[in-house]
Each structure stands twice: as structure tokens, then as C-alpha cells.
């Protein structure tokens, strides 16, 4: 079972690779989530929000051994859920592959487009998705 856990301190993350990614991506506007599969660390989400109508996915990262199992898609859905809960009208990201030997930036952009993201006409690797915000009760 997959679950996302808020990270209070990178020091508690067991994976050196994930801990390094968290430290590099952390800033005052981010929330970091450790992704667990059956209580094993498999990835992370760094979600950035500065209170605007639009949110930003700073990073989605899945450990090499856990890739190709739908975890990235699940993490993306969690970022969209957080943005919707914050009543953001859209979410955007810049698609950059950390492992060009496995996945090019263009391949990553294509994957995001399949998830409903639209490429920015000016910045080729920047994508955005409109979000449906349910009415408040």
C-alpha cells in the first residue's frame, strides 16, 4: 500500500538518495512528502505553494528499484490532491529528468502530457494542468 508522509526532518529519512533530494529541494514554501510502499521508502514529492492560485511541483522522485510500477503516477495524483485541497486553480512543473540515460526530458514531458498536463508555448519543459475545485460546503 502506498502512502505519503509529511517529512518533518530529512534526518529521519533512511535512504541517502532521498535525503539528498529533500535537502536540495527544501525551501520555506515547500512541503516534503516521503512516499512509502508497505512501509519501505520508495520516493518523494516536493510540493511548492506560495499562496497564489497556482501551485508548483518542485520534484517527484522515485528510487530506481521502484520505478515502472505506477508510483510516479500515484505521487502526481497526491500533488494534485494537495493543490485541490488548498483550492488552487492549477498546478505546474518543469519537467527535467535526473537520469538522462534512462529517460530524456522530452520523454518525461510526454508522460506528463498523458497525465493531462499542457506544455507551455514559451518554455518547452514547463507544463500546467487546470484543476477542478469542488464548491465549499
C-alpha atoms as a PDB file:
ATOM      1  CA  UNK A   1       0.000   0.000   0.000  1.00  0.00           C
ATOM      2  CA  UNK A   2       1.318   3.425  -0.983  1.00  0.00           C
ATOM      3  CA  UNK A   3       1.157   6.362   1.369  1.00  0.00           C
ATOM      4  CA  UNK A   4       2.642   9.839   1.607  1.00  0.00           C
ATOM      5  CA  UNK A   5       4.082  11.033   4.906  1.00  0.00           C
ATOM      6  CA  UNK A   6       4.981  14.655   5.690  1.00  0.00           C
ATOM      7  CA  UNK A   7       8.687  14.926   6.362  1.00  0.00           C
ATOM      8  CA  UNK A   8       9.477  16.967   9.450  1.00  0.00           C
ATOM      9  CA  UNK A   9      13.214  16.299   9.325  1.00  0.00           C
ATOM     10  CA  UNK A  10      15.302  14.891   6.459  1.00  0.00           C
ATOM     11  CA  UNK A  11      17.479  13.240   9.107  1.00  0.00           C
ATOM     12  CA  UNK A  12      14.739  10.670   9.695  1.00  0.00           C
ATOM     13  CA  UNK A  13      14.804   9.532   6.051  1.00  0.00           C
ATOM     14  CA  UNK A  14      16.758   6.294   5.728  1.00  0.00           C
ATOM     15  CA  UNK A  15      17.579   6.482   2.005  1.00  0.00           C
ATOM     16  CA  UNK A  16      20.628   8.644   1.369  1.00  0.00           C
ATOM     17  CA  UNK A  17      19.418   9.409  -2.170  1.00  0.00           C
ATOM     18  CA  UNK A  18      16.008  10.608  -0.959  1.00  0.00           C
ATOM     19  CA  UNK A  19      17.534  12.556   1.928  1.00  0.00           C
ATOM     20  CA  UNK A  20      19.871  14.345  -0.511  1.00  0.00           C
ATOM     21  CA  UNK A  21      16.978  15.230  -2.861  1.00  0.00           C
ATOM     22  CA  UNK A  22      14.955  16.609   0.077  1.00  0.00           C
ATOM     23  CA  UNK A  23      17.797  18.795   1.323  1.00  0.00           C
ATOM     24  CA  UNK A  24      18.396  20.184  -2.197  1.00  0.00           C
ATOM     25  CA  UNK A  25      14.714  20.969  -2.771  1.00  0.00           C
ATOM     26  CA  UNK A  26      13.614  22.295   0.603  1.00  0.00           C
ATOM     27  CA  UNK A  27      12.703  25.968   0.902  1.00  0.00           C
ATOM     28  CA  UNK A  28      10.244  27.985   3.026  1.00  0.00           C
ATOM     29  CA  UNK A  29       7.384  27.443   0.533  1.00  0.00           C
ATOM     30  CA  UNK A  30       7.745  23.662   0.131  1.00  0.00           C
ATOM     31  CA  UNK A  31       6.180  20.659   1.759  1.00  0.00           C
ATOM     32  CA  UNK A  32       8.108  17.436   1.501  1.00  0.00           C
ATOM     33  CA  UNK A  33       6.417  14.057   1.458  1.00  0.00           C
ATOM     34  CA  UNK A  34       8.173  10.722   1.789  1.00  0.00           C
ATOM     35  CA  UNK A  35       6.463   8.034  -0.277  1.00  0.00           C
ATOM     36  CA  UNK A  36       6.233   4.616   1.346  1.00  0.00           C
ATOM     37  CA  UNK A  37       5.247   1.316  -0.218  1.00  0.00           C
ATOM     38  CA  UNK A  38       4.414  -1.182   2.520  1.00  0.00           C
ATOM     39  CA  UNK A  39       6.479   0.990   4.923  1.00  0.00           C
ATOM     40  CA  UNK A  40       9.522   0.955   2.602  1.00  0.00           C
ATOM     41  CA  UNK A  41      10.854   4.278   1.282  1.00  0.00           C
ATOM     42  CA  UNK A  42      10.360   4.413  -2.490  1.00  0.00           C
ATOM     43  CA  UNK A  43      10.126   8.076  -3.439  1.00  0.00           C
ATOM     44  CA  UNK A  44       9.327  11.639  -2.580  1.00  0.00           C
ATOM     45  CA  UNK A  45       7.226  14.611  -3.517  1.00  0.00           C
ATOM     46  CA  UNK A  46       8.362  18.177  -3.009  1.00  0.00           C
ATOM     47  CA  UNK A  47       5.331  20.417  -3.379  1.00  0.00           C
ATOM     48  CA  UNK A  48       5.715  24.193  -3.511  1.00  0.00           C
ATOM     49  CA  UNK A  49       2.960  26.647  -2.717  1.00  0.00           C
ATOM     50  CA  UNK A  50       3.261  30.376  -2.124  1.00  0.00           C
ATOM     51  CA  UNK A  51      -0.445  31.080  -1.783  1.00  0.00           C
ATOM     52  CA  UNK A  52      -1.141  32.020  -5.396  1.00  0.00           C
ATOM     53  CA  UNK A  53      -3.955  30.486  -7.411  1.00  0.00           C
ATOM     54  CA  UNK A  54      -1.302  28.196  -8.917  1.00  0.00           C
ATOM     55  CA  UNK A  55       0.839  25.579  -7.170  1.00  0.00           C
ATOM     56  CA  UNK A  56       4.141  24.117  -8.302  1.00  0.00           C
ATOM     57  CA  UNK A  57       5.511  20.583  -8.202  1.00  0.00           C
ATOM     58  CA  UNK A  58       9.160  21.093  -7.395  1.00  0.00           C
ATOM     59  CA  UNK A  59      10.096  17.436  -7.617  1.00  0.00           C
ATOM     60  CA  UNK A  60       8.711  13.948  -7.994  1.00  0.00           C
ATOM     61  CA  UNK A  61      11.353  11.315  -7.471  1.00  0.00           C
ATOM     62  CA  UNK A  62      11.097   7.519  -7.405  1.00  0.00           C
ATOM     63  CA  UNK A  63      14.026   5.333  -6.417  1.00  0.00           C
ATOM     64  CA  UNK A  64      15.489   3.362  -9.313  1.00  0.00           C
ATOM     65  CA  UNK A  65      14.399  -0.065  -7.991  1.00  0.00           C
ATOM     66  CA  UNK A  66      10.805   1.109  -7.531  1.00  0.00           C
ATOM     67  CA  UNK A  67      10.249   2.628 -10.992  1.00  0.00           C
ATOM     68  CA  UNK A  68       7.814   1.364 -13.617  1.00  0.00           C
ATOM     69  CA  UNK A  69       5.197   0.333 -11.081  1.00  0.00           C
ATOM     70  CA  UNK A  70       2.891   3.358 -11.236  1.00  0.00           C
ATOM     71  CA  UNK A  71       4.393   5.080  -8.202  1.00  0.00           C
ATOM     72  CA  UNK A  72       5.172   8.280 -10.143  1.00  0.00           C
ATOM     73  CA  UNK A  73       1.568   8.492 -11.330  1.00  0.00           C
ATOM     74  CA  UNK A  74       0.342   7.998  -7.766  1.00  0.00           C
ATOM     75  CA  UNK A  75       2.697  10.721  -6.462  1.00  0.00           C
ATOM     76  CA  UNK A  76       1.462  13.107  -9.161  1.00  0.00           C
ATOM     77  CA  UNK A  77      -2.126  12.464  -8.080  1.00  0.00           C
ATOM     78  CA  UNK A  78      -1.155  13.274  -4.480  1.00  0.00           C
ATOM     79  CA  UNK A  79       0.326  16.617  -5.563  1.00  0.00           C
ATOM     80  CA  UNK A  80      -2.892  17.406  -7.406  1.00  0.00           C
ATOM     81  CA  UNK A  81      -4.918  16.396  -4.334  1.00  0.00           C
ATOM     82  CA  UNK A  82      -2.903  18.756  -2.102  1.00  0.00           C
ATOM     83  CA  UNK A  83      -3.356  21.609  -4.613  1.00  0.00           C
ATOM     84  CA  UNK A  84      -7.095  20.968  -4.797  1.00  0.00           C
ATOM     85  CA  UNK A  85      -7.388  20.910  -1.001  1.00  0.00           C
ATOM     86  CA  UNK A  86      -5.630  24.302  -0.958  1.00  0.00           C
ATOM     87  CA  UNK A  87      -8.161  25.472  -3.584  1.00  0.00           C
ATOM     88  CA  UNK A  88      -5.542  26.162  -6.243  1.00  0.00           C
ATOM     89  CA  UNK A  89      -6.870  26.531  -9.771  1.00  0.00           C
ATOM     90  CA  UNK A  90      -3.863  24.975 -11.476  1.00  0.00           C
ATOM     91  CA  UNK A  91      -0.610  23.184 -10.865  1.00  0.00           C
ATOM     92  CA  UNK A  92       2.557  23.485 -12.886  1.00  0.00           C
ATOM     93  CA  UNK A  93       6.003  21.959 -13.099  1.00  0.00           C
ATOM     94  CA  UNK A  94       9.203  21.969 -15.067  1.00  0.00           C
ATOM     95  CA  UNK A  95       9.977  18.513 -16.451  1.00  0.00           C
ATOM     96  CA  UNK A  96      13.662  17.677 -16.038  1.00  0.00           C
ATOM     97  CA  UNK A  97      14.905  14.124 -15.904  1.00  0.00           C
ATOM     98  CA  UNK A  98      17.652  13.492 -13.358  1.00  0.00           C
ATOM     99  CA  UNK A  99      18.687  10.363 -15.242  1.00  0.00           C
ATOM    100  CA  UNK A 100      19.051  11.297 -18.899  1.00  0.00           C
ATOM    101  CA  UNK A 101      20.479   7.846 -19.683  1.00  0.00           C
ATOM    102  CA  UNK A 102      17.136   6.285 -18.680  1.00  0.00           C
ATOM    103  CA  UNK A 103      14.600   8.970 -19.570  1.00  0.00           C
ATOM    104  CA  UNK A 104      15.051  12.122 -21.643  1.00  0.00           C
ATOM    105  CA  UNK A 105      13.389  15.406 -20.764  1.00  0.00           C
ATOM    106  CA  UNK A 106      11.203  15.014 -23.853  1.00  0.00           C
ATOM    107  CA  UNK A 107      10.092  11.523 -22.747  1.00  0.00           C
ATOM    108  CA  UNK A 108       9.214  12.980 -19.340  1.00  0.00           C
ATOM    109  CA  UNK A 109       7.247  15.822 -20.955  1.00  0.00           C
ATOM    110  CA  UNK A 110       5.311  13.241 -22.998  1.00  0.00           C
ATOM    111  CA  UNK A 111       4.497  11.300 -19.819  1.00  0.00           C
ATOM    112  CA  UNK A 112       3.136  14.447 -18.144  1.00  0.00           C
ATOM    113  CA  UNK A 113       1.085  15.259 -21.245  1.00  0.00           C
ATOM    114  CA  UNK A 114      -0.529  11.810 -20.967  1.00  0.00           C
ATOM    115  CA  UNK A 115      -1.474  12.780 -17.403  1.00  0.00           C
ATOM    116  CA  UNK A 116      -3.356  15.846 -18.678  1.00  0.00           C
ATOM    117  CA  UNK A 117      -0.623  18.490 -18.460  1.00  0.00           C
ATOM    118  CA  UNK A 118      -0.266  21.051 -21.244  1.00  0.00           C
ATOM    119  CA  UNK A 119       3.083  22.283 -22.481  1.00  0.00           C
ATOM    120  CA  UNK A 120       3.840  25.982 -22.168  1.00  0.00           C
ATOM    121  CA  UNK A 121       4.335  27.606 -25.576  1.00  0.00           C
ATOM    122  CA  UNK A 122       7.341  29.646 -24.392  1.00  0.00           C
ATOM    123  CA  UNK A 123       9.178  27.273 -22.041  1.00  0.00           C
ATOM    124  CA  UNK A 124       9.168  23.804 -23.640  1.00  0.00           C
ATOM    125  CA  UNK A 125       9.694  21.830 -20.423  1.00  0.00           C
ATOM    126  CA  UNK A 126       7.158  23.804 -18.393  1.00  0.00           C
ATOM    127  CA  UNK A 127       3.735  22.204 -18.107  1.00  0.00           C
ATOM    128  CA  UNK A 128       0.477  23.115 -16.416  1.00  0.00           C
ATOM    129  CA  UNK A 129      -2.786  21.441 -15.553  1.00  0.00           C
ATOM    130  CA  UNK A 130      -6.065  23.133 -14.653  1.00  0.00           C
ATOM    131  CA  UNK A 131      -7.693  21.744 -11.540  1.00  0.00           C
ATOM    132  CA  UNK A 132     -11.377  21.375 -10.749  1.00  0.00           C
ATOM    133  CA  UNK A 133     -12.072  22.874  -7.371  1.00  0.00           C
ATOM    134  CA  UNK A 134     -15.201  21.471  -5.735  1.00  0.00           C
ATOM    135  CA  UNK A 135     -17.539  24.048  -4.179  1.00  0.00           C
ATOM    136  CA  UNK A 136     -17.100  24.517  -0.468  1.00  0.00           C
ATOM    137  CA  UNK A 137     -19.718  23.003   1.766  1.00  0.00           C
END
